[in-house]
Amino acid sequence: MESEEKSLPQGLEAIERINSQINEAIRKAENAEIVKDLEGRVEDWKGHKLEHFGELLLHGQFSVIKGDTKGEVEREVIMALHRRLAFMC
């Protein structure tokens, strides 16, 4: 009985470690899809190579309202933070 009690915390640690690895793999796969989508959305990368930006760390999308002489225009803006670069488009 005593050895079973010692095994439980070790089993729980193993489960948590595996869960963490699964979550990280899912995050990387999702980020790879986001980078692929970004690559297609931007028309002119000005000679820059997306793979040189490093790993995608964070991303988000938000609305910006820009006013001019014709009125207000709402635009969707994508923000991406890579290991070596942050950009908005």
PDB file of N, CA and C in Angstrom:
ATOM      1  N   MET A   1       0.822  -1.195   0.000  1.00  0.00           N
ATOM      2  CA  MET A   1       0.000   0.000   0.000  1.00  0.00           C
ATOM      3  C   MET A   1       0.865   1.259   0.000  1.00  0.00           C
ATOM      4  N   GLU A   2       1.953   1.199   0.762  1.00  0.00           N
ATOM      5  CA  GLU A   2       2.820   2.366   0.881  1.00  0.00           C
ATOM      6  C   GLU A   2       3.492   2.717  -0.456  1.00  0.00           C
ATOM      7  N   SER A   3       3.908   1.721  -1.220  1.00  0.00           N
ATOM      8  CA  SER A   3       4.556   1.989  -2.507  1.00  0.00           C
ATOM      9  C   SER A   3       3.570   2.572  -3.510  1.00  0.00           C
ATOM     10  N   GLU A   4       2.288   2.179  -3.392  1.00  0.00           N
ATOM     11  CA  GLU A   4       1.265   2.762  -4.259  1.00  0.00           C
ATOM     12  C   GLU A   4       1.103   4.249  -3.972  1.00  0.00           C
ATOM     13  N   GLU A   5       1.154   4.625  -2.715  1.00  0.00           N
ATOM     14  CA  GLU A   5       1.015   6.031  -2.334  1.00  0.00           C
ATOM     15  C   GLU A   5       2.171   6.862  -2.874  1.00  0.00           C
ATOM     16  N   LYS A   6       3.360   6.268  -2.935  1.00  0.00           N
ATOM     17  CA  LYS A   6       4.521   6.967  -3.484  1.00  0.00           C
ATOM     18  C   LYS A   6       4.419   7.067  -5.007  1.00  0.00           C
ATOM     19  N   SER A   7       3.784   6.079  -5.619  1.00  0.00           N
ATOM     20  CA  SER A   7       3.663   6.049  -7.074  1.00  0.00           C
ATOM     21  C   SER A   7       2.664   7.082  -7.588  1.00  0.00           C
ATOM     22  N   LEU A   8       1.665   7.403  -6.794  1.00  0.00           N
ATOM     23  CA  LEU A   8       0.638   8.348  -7.243  1.00  0.00           C
ATOM     24  C   LEU A   8       1.202   9.721  -7.616  1.00  0.00           C
ATOM     25  N   PRO A   9       2.019  10.353  -6.755  1.00  0.00           N
ATOM     26  CA  PRO A   9       2.583  11.648  -7.145  1.00  0.00           C
ATOM     27  C   PRO A   9       3.473  11.556  -8.386  1.00  0.00           C
ATOM     28  N   GLN A  10       4.208  10.461  -8.513  1.00  0.00           N
ATOM     29  CA  GLN A  10       5.066  10.285  -9.688  1.00  0.00           C
ATOM     30  C   GLN A  10       4.209  10.122 -10.945  1.00  0.00           C
ATOM     31  N   GLY A  11       3.128   9.381 -10.817  1.00  0.00           N
ATOM     32  CA  GLY A  11       2.208   9.213 -11.947  1.00  0.00           C
ATOM     33  C   GLY A  11       1.572  10.530 -12.338  1.00  0.00           C
ATOM     34  N   LEU A  12       1.173  11.308 -11.342  1.00  0.00           N
ATOM     35  CA  LEU A  12       0.581  12.619 -11.605  1.00  0.00           C
ATOM     36  C   LEU A  12       1.584  13.534 -12.296  1.00  0.00           C
ATOM     37  N   GLU A  13       2.823  13.531 -11.853  1.00  0.00           N
ATOM     38  CA  GLU A  13       3.871  14.338 -12.495  1.00  0.00           C
ATOM     39  C   GLU A  13       4.076  13.924 -13.947  1.00  0.00           C
ATOM     40  N   ALA A  14       4.057  12.627 -14.208  1.00  0.00           N
ATOM     41  CA  ALA A  14       4.216  12.129 -15.578  1.00  0.00           C
ATOM     42  C   ALA A  14       3.053  12.580 -16.447  1.00  0.00           C
ATOM     43  N   ILE A  15       1.847  12.493 -15.928  1.00  0.00           N
ATOM     44  CA  ILE A  15       0.659  12.938 -16.676  1.00  0.00           C
ATOM     45  C   ILE A  15       0.740  14.425 -16.971  1.00  0.00           C
ATOM     46  N   GLU A  16       1.124  15.237 -15.993  1.00  0.00           N
ATOM     47  CA  GLU A  16       1.243  16.685 -16.190  1.00  0.00           C
ATOM     48  C   GLU A  16       2.325  17.017 -17.215  1.00  0.00           C
ATOM     49  N   ARG A  17       3.435  16.283 -17.179  1.00  0.00           N
ATOM     50  CA  ARG A  17       4.520  16.498 -18.134  1.00  0.00           C
ATOM     51  C   ARG A  17       4.063  16.166 -19.559  1.00  0.00           C
ATOM     52  N   ILE A  18       3.375  15.055 -19.708  1.00  0.00           N
ATOM     53  CA  ILE A  18       2.870  14.653 -21.025  1.00  0.00           C
ATOM     54  C   ILE A  18       1.834  15.658 -21.518  1.00  0.00           C
ATOM     55  N   ASN A  19       0.946  16.094 -20.640  1.00  0.00           N
ATOM     56  CA  ASN A  19      -0.068  17.087 -21.000  1.00  0.00           C
ATOM     57  C   ASN A  19       0.586  18.383 -21.467  1.00  0.00           C
ATOM     58  N   SER A  20       1.616  18.797 -20.777  1.00  0.00           N
ATOM     59  CA  SER A  20       2.340  20.014 -21.158  1.00  0.00           C
ATOM     60  C   SER A  20       2.981  19.865 -22.539  1.00  0.00           C
ATOM     61  N   GLN A  21       3.558  18.702 -22.797  1.00  0.00           N
ATOM     62  CA  GLN A  21       4.177  18.457 -24.108  1.00  0.00           C
ATOM     63  C   GLN A  21       3.131  18.440 -25.218  1.00  0.00           C
ATOM     64  N   ILE A  22       1.977  17.861 -24.948  1.00  0.00           N
ATOM     65  CA  ILE A  22       0.888  17.843 -25.934  1.00  0.00           C
ATOM     66  C   ILE A  22       0.417  19.268 -26.215  1.00  0.00           C
ATOM     67  N   ASN A  23       0.217  20.053 -25.172  1.00  0.00           N
ATOM     68  CA  ASN A  23      -0.226  21.446 -25.353  1.00  0.00           C
ATOM     69  C   ASN A  23       0.786  22.244 -26.166  1.00  0.00           C
ATOM     70  N   GLU A  24       2.066  22.039 -25.917  1.00  0.00           N
ATOM     71  CA  GLU A  24       3.116  22.744 -26.657  1.00  0.00           C
ATOM     72  C   GLU A  24       3.113  22.332 -28.120  1.00  0.00           C
ATOM     73  N   ALA A  25       2.919  21.052 -28.393  1.00  0.00           N
ATOM     74  CA  ALA A  25       2.859  20.576 -29.775  1.00  0.00           C
ATOM     75  C   ALA A  25       1.654  21.175 -30.503  1.00  0.00           C
ATOM     76  N   ILE A  26       0.518  21.253 -29.821  1.00  0.00           N
ATOM     77  CA  ILE A  26      -0.681  21.861 -30.415  1.00  0.00           C
ATOM     78  C   ILE A  26      -0.434  23.331 -30.691  1.00  0.00           C
ATOM     79  N   ARG A  27       0.178  24.040 -29.744  1.00  0.00           N
ATOM     80  CA  ARG A  27       0.467  25.469 -29.925  1.00  0.00           C
ATOM     81  C   ARG A  27       1.363  25.686 -31.134  1.00  0.00           C
ATOM     82  N   LYS A  28       2.399  24.860 -31.272  1.00  0.00           N
ATOM     83  CA  LYS A  28       3.318  25.003 -32.407  1.00  0.00           C
ATOM     84  C   LYS A  28       2.613  24.725 -33.730  1.00  0.00           C
ATOM     85  N   ALA A  29       1.745  23.724 -33.758  1.00  0.00           N
ATOM     86  CA  ALA A  29       1.009  23.410 -34.980  1.00  0.00           C
ATOM     87  C   ALA A  29       0.057  24.550 -35.347  1.00  0.00           C
ATOM     88  N   GLU A  30      -0.632  25.105 -34.347  1.00  0.00           N
ATOM     89  CA  GLU A  30      -1.536  26.236 -34.598  1.00  0.00           C
ATOM     90  C   GLU A  30      -0.747  27.448 -35.091  1.00  0.00           C
ATOM     91  N   ASN A  31       0.394  27.720 -34.476  1.00  0.00           N
ATOM     92  CA  ASN A  31       1.212  28.862 -34.898  1.00  0.00           C
ATOM     93  C   ASN A  31       1.731  28.677 -36.320  1.00  0.00           C
ATOM     94  N   ALA A  32       2.067  27.454 -36.693  1.00  0.00           N
ATOM     95  CA  ALA A  32       2.524  27.185 -38.062  1.00  0.00           C
ATOM     96  C   ALA A  32       1.411  27.508 -39.064  1.00  0.00           C
ATOM     97  N   GLU A  33       0.179  27.184 -38.720  1.00  0.00           N
ATOM     98  CA  GLU A  33      -0.963  27.505 -39.591  1.00  0.00           C
ATOM     99  C   GLU A  33      -1.178  29.017 -39.666  1.00  0.00           C
ATOM    100  N   ILE A  34      -1.003  29.697 -38.554  1.00  0.00           N
ATOM    101  CA  ILE A  34      -1.163  31.159 -38.527  1.00  0.00           C
ATOM    102  C   ILE A  34      -0.093  31.815 -39.386  1.00  0.00           C
ATOM    103  N   VAL A  35       1.141  31.350 -39.299  1.00  0.00           N
ATOM    104  CA  VAL A  35       2.229  31.905 -40.108  1.00  0.00           C
ATOM    105  C   VAL A  35       1.945  31.662 -41.594  1.00  0.00           C
ATOM    106  N   LYS A  36       1.449  30.494 -41.920  1.00  0.00           N
ATOM    107  CA  LYS A  36       1.099  30.185 -43.310  1.00  0.00           C
ATOM    108  C   LYS A  36       0.008  31.131 -43.810  1.00  0.00           C
ATOM    109  N   ASP A  37      -0.979  31.398 -42.966  1.00  0.00           N
ATOM    110  CA  ASP A  37      -2.050  32.338 -43.322  1.00  0.00           C
ATOM    111  C   ASP A  37      -1.494  33.753 -43.499  1.00  0.00           C
ATOM    112  N   LEU A  38      -0.629  34.174 -42.587  1.00  0.00           N
ATOM    113  CA  LEU A  38      -0.016  35.508 -42.695  1.00  0.00           C
ATOM    114  C   LEU A  38       0.772  35.650 -43.987  1.00  0.00           C
ATOM    115  N   GLU A  39       1.492  34.607 -44.330  1.00  0.00           N
ATOM    116  CA  GLU A  39       2.311  34.634 -45.540  1.00  0.00           C
ATOM    117  C   GLU A  39       1.448  34.908 -46.765  1.00  0.00           C
ATOM    118  N   GLY A  40       0.254  34.337 -46.801  1.00  0.00           N
ATOM    119  CA  GLY A  40      -0.645  34.552 -47.920  1.00  0.00           C
ATOM    120  C   GLY A  40      -1.364  35.888 -47.886  1.00  0.00           C
ATOM    121  N   ARG A  41      -1.546  36.463 -46.723  1.00  0.00           N
ATOM    122  CA  ARG A  41      -2.281  37.733 -46.594  1.00  0.00           C
ATOM    123  C   ARG A  41      -1.452  38.949 -47.002  1.00  0.00           C
ATOM    124  N   VAL A  42      -0.167  38.907 -46.712  1.00  0.00           N
ATOM    125  CA  VAL A  42       0.689  40.059 -47.014  1.00  0.00           C
ATOM    126  C   VAL A  42       1.116  39.970 -48.473  1.00  0.00           C
ATOM    127  N   GLU A  43       0.830  41.033 -49.225  1.00  0.00           N
ATOM    128  CA  GLU A  43       1.108  41.028 -50.660  1.00  0.00           C
ATOM    129  C   GLU A  43       2.576  41.264 -50.998  1.00  0.00           C
ATOM    130  N   ASP A  44       3.244  42.118 -50.239  1.00  0.00           N
ATOM    131  CA  ASP A  44       4.631  42.458 -50.568  1.00  0.00           C
ATOM    132  C   ASP A  44       5.475  42.416 -49.296  1.00  0.00           C
ATOM    133  N   TRP A  45       6.320  41.424 -49.201  1.00  0.00           N
ATOM    134  CA  TRP A  45       7.182  41.274 -48.040  1.00  0.00           C
ATOM    135  C   TRP A  45       8.469  42.085 -48.176  1.00  0.00           C
ATOM    136  N   LYS A  46       8.580  42.872 -49.230  1.00  0.00           N
ATOM    137  CA  LYS A  46       9.736  43.769 -49.428  1.00  0.00           C
ATOM    138  C   LYS A  46      11.067  43.015 -49.355  1.00  0.00           C
ATOM    139  N   GLY A  47      11.082  41.801 -49.883  1.00  0.00           N
ATOM    140  CA  GLY A  47      12.310  41.011 -49.906  1.00  0.00           C
ATOM    141  C   GLY A  47      12.616  40.256 -48.627  1.00  0.00           C
ATOM    142  N   HIS A  48      11.821  40.474 -47.585  1.00  0.00           N
ATOM    143  CA  HIS A  48      12.051  39.771 -46.314  1.00  0.00           C
ATOM    144  C   HIS A  48      11.507  38.350 -46.409  1.00  0.00           C
ATOM    145  N   LYS A  49      12.128  37.466 -45.703  1.00  0.00           N
ATOM    146  CA  LYS A  49      11.694  36.072 -45.666  1.00  0.00           C
ATOM    147  C   LYS A  49      11.062  35.791 -44.299  1.00  0.00           C
ATOM    148  N   LEU A  50       9.838  35.349 -44.329  1.00  0.00           N
ATOM    149  CA  LEU A  50       9.085  35.105 -43.105  1.00  0.00           C
ATOM    150  C   LEU A  50       9.797  34.116 -42.177  1.00  0.00           C
ATOM    151  N   GLU A  51      10.474  33.139 -42.753  1.00  0.00           N
ATOM    152  CA  GLU A  51      11.159  32.147 -41.922  1.00  0.00           C
ATOM    153  C   GLU A  51      12.344  32.746 -41.159  1.00  0.00           C
ATOM    154  N   HIS A  52      12.809  33.933 -41.545  1.00  0.00           N
ATOM    155  CA  HIS A  52      13.911  34.595 -40.836  1.00  0.00           C
ATOM    156  C   HIS A  52      13.433  35.355 -39.592  1.00  0.00           C
ATOM    157  N   PHE A  53      12.122  35.484 -39.424  1.00  0.00           N
ATOM    158  CA  PHE A  53      11.579  36.230 -38.288  1.00  0.00           C
ATOM    159  C   PHE A  53      11.664  35.441 -36.986  1.00  0.00           C
ATOM    160  N   GLY A  54      11.873  34.149 -37.092  1.00  0.00           N
ATOM    161  CA  GLY A  54      11.908  33.305 -35.906  1.00  0.00           C
ATOM    162  C   GLY A  54      10.528  32.795 -35.554  1.00  0.00           C
ATOM    163  N   GLU A  55      10.462  32.087 -34.477  1.00  0.00           N
ATOM    164  CA  GLU A  55       9.219  31.463 -34.026  1.00  0.00           C
ATOM    165  C   GLU A  55       8.153  32.506 -33.717  1.00  0.00           C
ATOM    166  N   LEU A  56       6.917  32.218 -34.103  1.00  0.00           N
ATOM    167  CA  LEU A  56       5.785  33.074 -33.736  1.00  0.00           C
ATOM    168  C   LEU A  56       5.493  32.858 -32.261  1.00  0.00           C
ATOM    169  N   LEU A  57       5.536  33.947 -31.488  1.00  0.00           N
ATOM    170  CA  LEU A  57       5.328  33.852 -30.050  1.00  0.00           C
ATOM    171  C   LEU A  57       3.903  34.221 -29.659  1.00  0.00           C
ATOM    172  N   LEU A  58       3.405  35.317 -30.214  1.00  0.00           N
ATOM    173  CA  LEU A  58       2.057  35.803 -29.921  1.00  0.00           C
ATOM    174  C   LEU A  58       1.449  36.383 -31.185  1.00  0.00           C
ATOM    175  N   HIS A  59       0.135  36.380 -31.259  1.00  0.00           N
ATOM    176  CA  HIS A  59      -0.551  37.003 -32.381  1.00  0.00           C
ATOM    177  C   HIS A  59      -1.942  37.442 -31.924  1.00  0.00           C
ATOM    178  N   GLY A  60      -2.515  38.348 -32.684  1.00  0.00           N
ATOM    179  CA  GLY A  60      -3.858  38.809 -32.378  1.00  0.00           C
ATOM    180  C   GLY A  60      -4.426  39.613 -33.526  1.00  0.00           C
ATOM    181  N   GLN A  61      -5.719  39.844 -33.462  1.00  0.00           N
ATOM    182  CA  GLN A  61      -6.400  40.628 -34.489  1.00  0.00           C
ATOM    183  C   GLN A  61      -7.328  41.597 -33.783  1.00  0.00           C
ATOM    184  N   PHE A  62      -7.374  42.832 -34.281  1.00  0.00           N
ATOM    185  CA  PHE A  62      -8.243  43.827 -33.675  1.00  0.00           C
ATOM    186  C   PHE A  62      -8.684  44.822 -34.733  1.00  0.00           C
ATOM    187  N   SER A  63      -9.698  45.594 -34.409  1.00  0.00           N
ATOM    188  CA  SER A  63     -10.235  46.596 -35.334  1.00  0.00           C
ATOM    189  C   SER A  63      -9.673  47.966 -35.017  1.00  0.00           C
ATOM    190  N   VAL A  64      -9.394  48.722 -36.070  1.00  0.00           N
ATOM    191  CA  VAL A  64      -8.918  50.088 -35.939  1.00  0.00           C
ATOM    192  C   VAL A  64      -9.847  50.973 -36.757  1.00  0.00           C
ATOM    193  N   ILE A  65     -10.268  52.075 -36.187  1.00  0.00           N
ATOM    194  CA  ILE A  65     -11.108  53.021 -36.916  1.00  0.00           C
ATOM    195  C   ILE A  65     -10.244  54.198 -37.316  1.00  0.00           C
ATOM    196  N   LYS A  66     -10.191  54.439 -38.616  1.00  0.00           N
ATOM    197  CA  LYS A  66      -9.372  55.520 -39.150  1.00  0.00           C
ATOM    198  C   LYS A  66     -10.302  56.554 -39.780  1.00  0.00           C
ATOM    199  N   GLY A  67     -10.138  57.782 -39.350  1.00  0.00           N
ATOM    200  CA  GLY A  67     -10.960  58.856 -39.889  1.00  0.00           C
ATOM    201  C   GLY A  67     -10.199  59.655 -40.932  1.00  0.00           C
ATOM    202  N   ASP A  68     -10.880  60.006 -42.010  1.00  0.00           N
ATOM    203  CA  ASP A  68     -10.297  60.884 -43.026  1.00  0.00           C
ATOM    204  C   ASP A  68     -11.410  61.767 -43.585  1.00  0.00           C
ATOM    205  N   THR A  69     -11.135  62.462 -44.655  1.00  0.00           N
ATOM    206  CA  THR A  69     -12.119  63.391 -45.222  1.00  0.00           C
ATOM    207  C   THR A  69     -13.372  62.687 -45.724  1.00  0.00           C
ATOM    208  N   LYS A  70     -13.278  61.400 -46.010  1.00  0.00           N
ATOM    209  CA  LYS A  70     -14.426  60.634 -46.504  1.00  0.00           C
ATOM    210  C   LYS A  70     -15.233  60.000 -45.375  1.00  0.00           C
ATOM    211  N   GLY A  71     -14.779  60.160 -44.158  1.00  0.00           N
ATOM    212  CA  GLY A  71     -15.466  59.564 -43.016  1.00  0.00           C
ATOM    213  C   GLY A  71     -14.586  58.560 -42.307  1.00  0.00           C
ATOM    214  N   GLU A  72     -15.225  57.783 -41.469  1.00  0.00           N
ATOM    215  CA  GLU A  72     -14.489  56.792 -40.700  1.00  0.00           C
ATOM    216  C   GLU A  72     -14.516  55.441 -41.413  1.00  0.00           C
ATOM    217  N   VAL A  73     -13.373  54.783 -41.401  1.00  0.00           N
ATOM    218  CA  VAL A  73     -13.247  53.467 -42.005  1.00  0.00           C
ATOM    219  C   VAL A  73     -12.716  52.510 -40.943  1.00  0.00           C
ATOM    220  N   GLU A  74     -13.379  51.384 -40.801  1.00  0.00           N
ATOM    221  CA  GLU A  74     -12.915  50.378 -39.845  1.00  0.00           C
ATOM    222  C   GLU A  74     -12.112  49.330 -40.598  1.00  0.00           C
ATOM    223  N   ARG A  75     -10.937  49.014 -40.063  1.00  0.00           N
ATOM    224  CA  ARG A  75     -10.066  48.012 -40.679  1.00  0.00           C
ATOM    225  C   ARG A  75      -9.653  46.988 -39.639  1.00  0.00           C
ATOM    226  N   GLU A  76      -9.486  45.772 -40.117  1.00  0.00           N
ATOM    227  CA  GLU A  76      -8.970  44.717 -39.267  1.00  0.00           C
ATOM    228  C   GLU A  76      -7.443  44.745 -39.339  1.00  0.00           C
ATOM    229  N   VAL A  77      -6.796  44.698 -38.207  1.00  0.00           N
ATOM    230  CA  VAL A  77      -5.337  44.720 -38.135  1.00  0.00           C
ATOM    231  C   VAL A  77      -4.865  43.433 -37.465  1.00  0.00           C
ATOM    232  N   ILE A  78      -3.861  42.829 -38.060  1.00  0.00           N
ATOM    233  CA  ILE A  78      -3.248  41.633 -37.496  1.00  0.00           C
ATOM    234  C   ILE A  78      -1.903  42.025 -36.908  1.00  0.00           C
ATOM    235  N   MET A  79      -1.665  41.584 -35.700  1.00  0.00           N
ATOM    236  CA  MET A  79      -0.391  41.854 -35.042  1.00  0.00           C
ATOM    237  C   MET A  79       0.283  40.522 -34.751  1.00  0.00           C
ATOM    238  N   ALA A  80       1.570  40.434 -35.057  1.00  0.00           N
ATOM    239  CA  ALA A  80       2.312  39.198 -34.826  1.00  0.00           C
ATOM    240  C   ALA A  80       3.646  39.519 -34.169  1.00  0.00           C
ATOM    241  N   LEU A  81       3.949  38.794 -33.130  1.00  0.00           N
ATOM    242  CA  LEU A  81       5.218  38.944 -32.439  1.00  0.00           C
ATOM    243  C   LEU A  81       6.015  37.662 -32.664  1.00  0.00           C
ATOM    244  N   HIS A  82       7.088  37.802 -33.404  1.00  0.00           N
ATOM    245  CA  HIS A  82       7.993  36.689 -33.656  1.00  0.00           C
ATOM    246  C   HIS A  82       9.217  36.856 -32.762  1.00  0.00           C
ATOM    247  N   ARG A  83      10.060  35.861 -32.717  1.00  0.00           N
ATOM    248  CA  ARG A  83      11.236  35.932 -31.864  1.00  0.00           C
ATOM    249  C   ARG A  83      12.133  37.117 -32.249  1.00  0.00           C
ATOM    250  N   ARG A  84      12.236  37.439 -33.546  1.00  0.00           N
ATOM    251  CA  ARG A  84      13.141  38.507 -33.991  1.00  0.00           C
ATOM    252  C   ARG A  84      12.433  39.742 -34.546  1.00  0.00           C
ATOM    253  N   LEU A  85      11.099  39.741 -34.585  1.00  0.00           N
ATOM    254  CA  LEU A  85      10.394  40.845 -35.220  1.00  0.00           C
ATOM    255  C   LEU A  85       8.957  40.906 -34.757  1.00  0.00           C
ATOM    256  N   ALA A  86       8.446  42.108 -34.636  1.00  0.00           N
ATOM    257  CA  ALA A  86       7.012  42.317 -34.385  1.00  0.00           C
ATOM    258  C   ALA A  86       6.483  43.163 -35.541  1.00  0.00           C
ATOM    259  N   PHE A  87       5.289  42.826 -36.025  1.00  0.00           N
ATOM    260  CA  PHE A  87       4.717  43.635 -37.094  1.00  0.00           C
ATOM    261  C   PHE A  87       3.204  43.635 -37.037  1.00  0.00           C
ATOM    262  N   MET A  88       2.637  44.647 -37.680  1.00  0.00           N
ATOM    263  CA  MET A  88       1.186  44.795 -37.819  1.00  0.00           C
ATOM    264  C   MET A  88       0.869  44.954 -39.281  1.00  0.00           C
ATOM    265  N   CYS A  89      -0.205  44.342 -39.714  1.00  0.00           N
ATOM    266  CA  CYS A  89      -0.642  44.527 -41.094  1.00  0.00           C
ATOM    267  C   CYS A  89      -2.151  44.457 -41.176  1.00  0.00           C
TER     268      CYS A  89
END
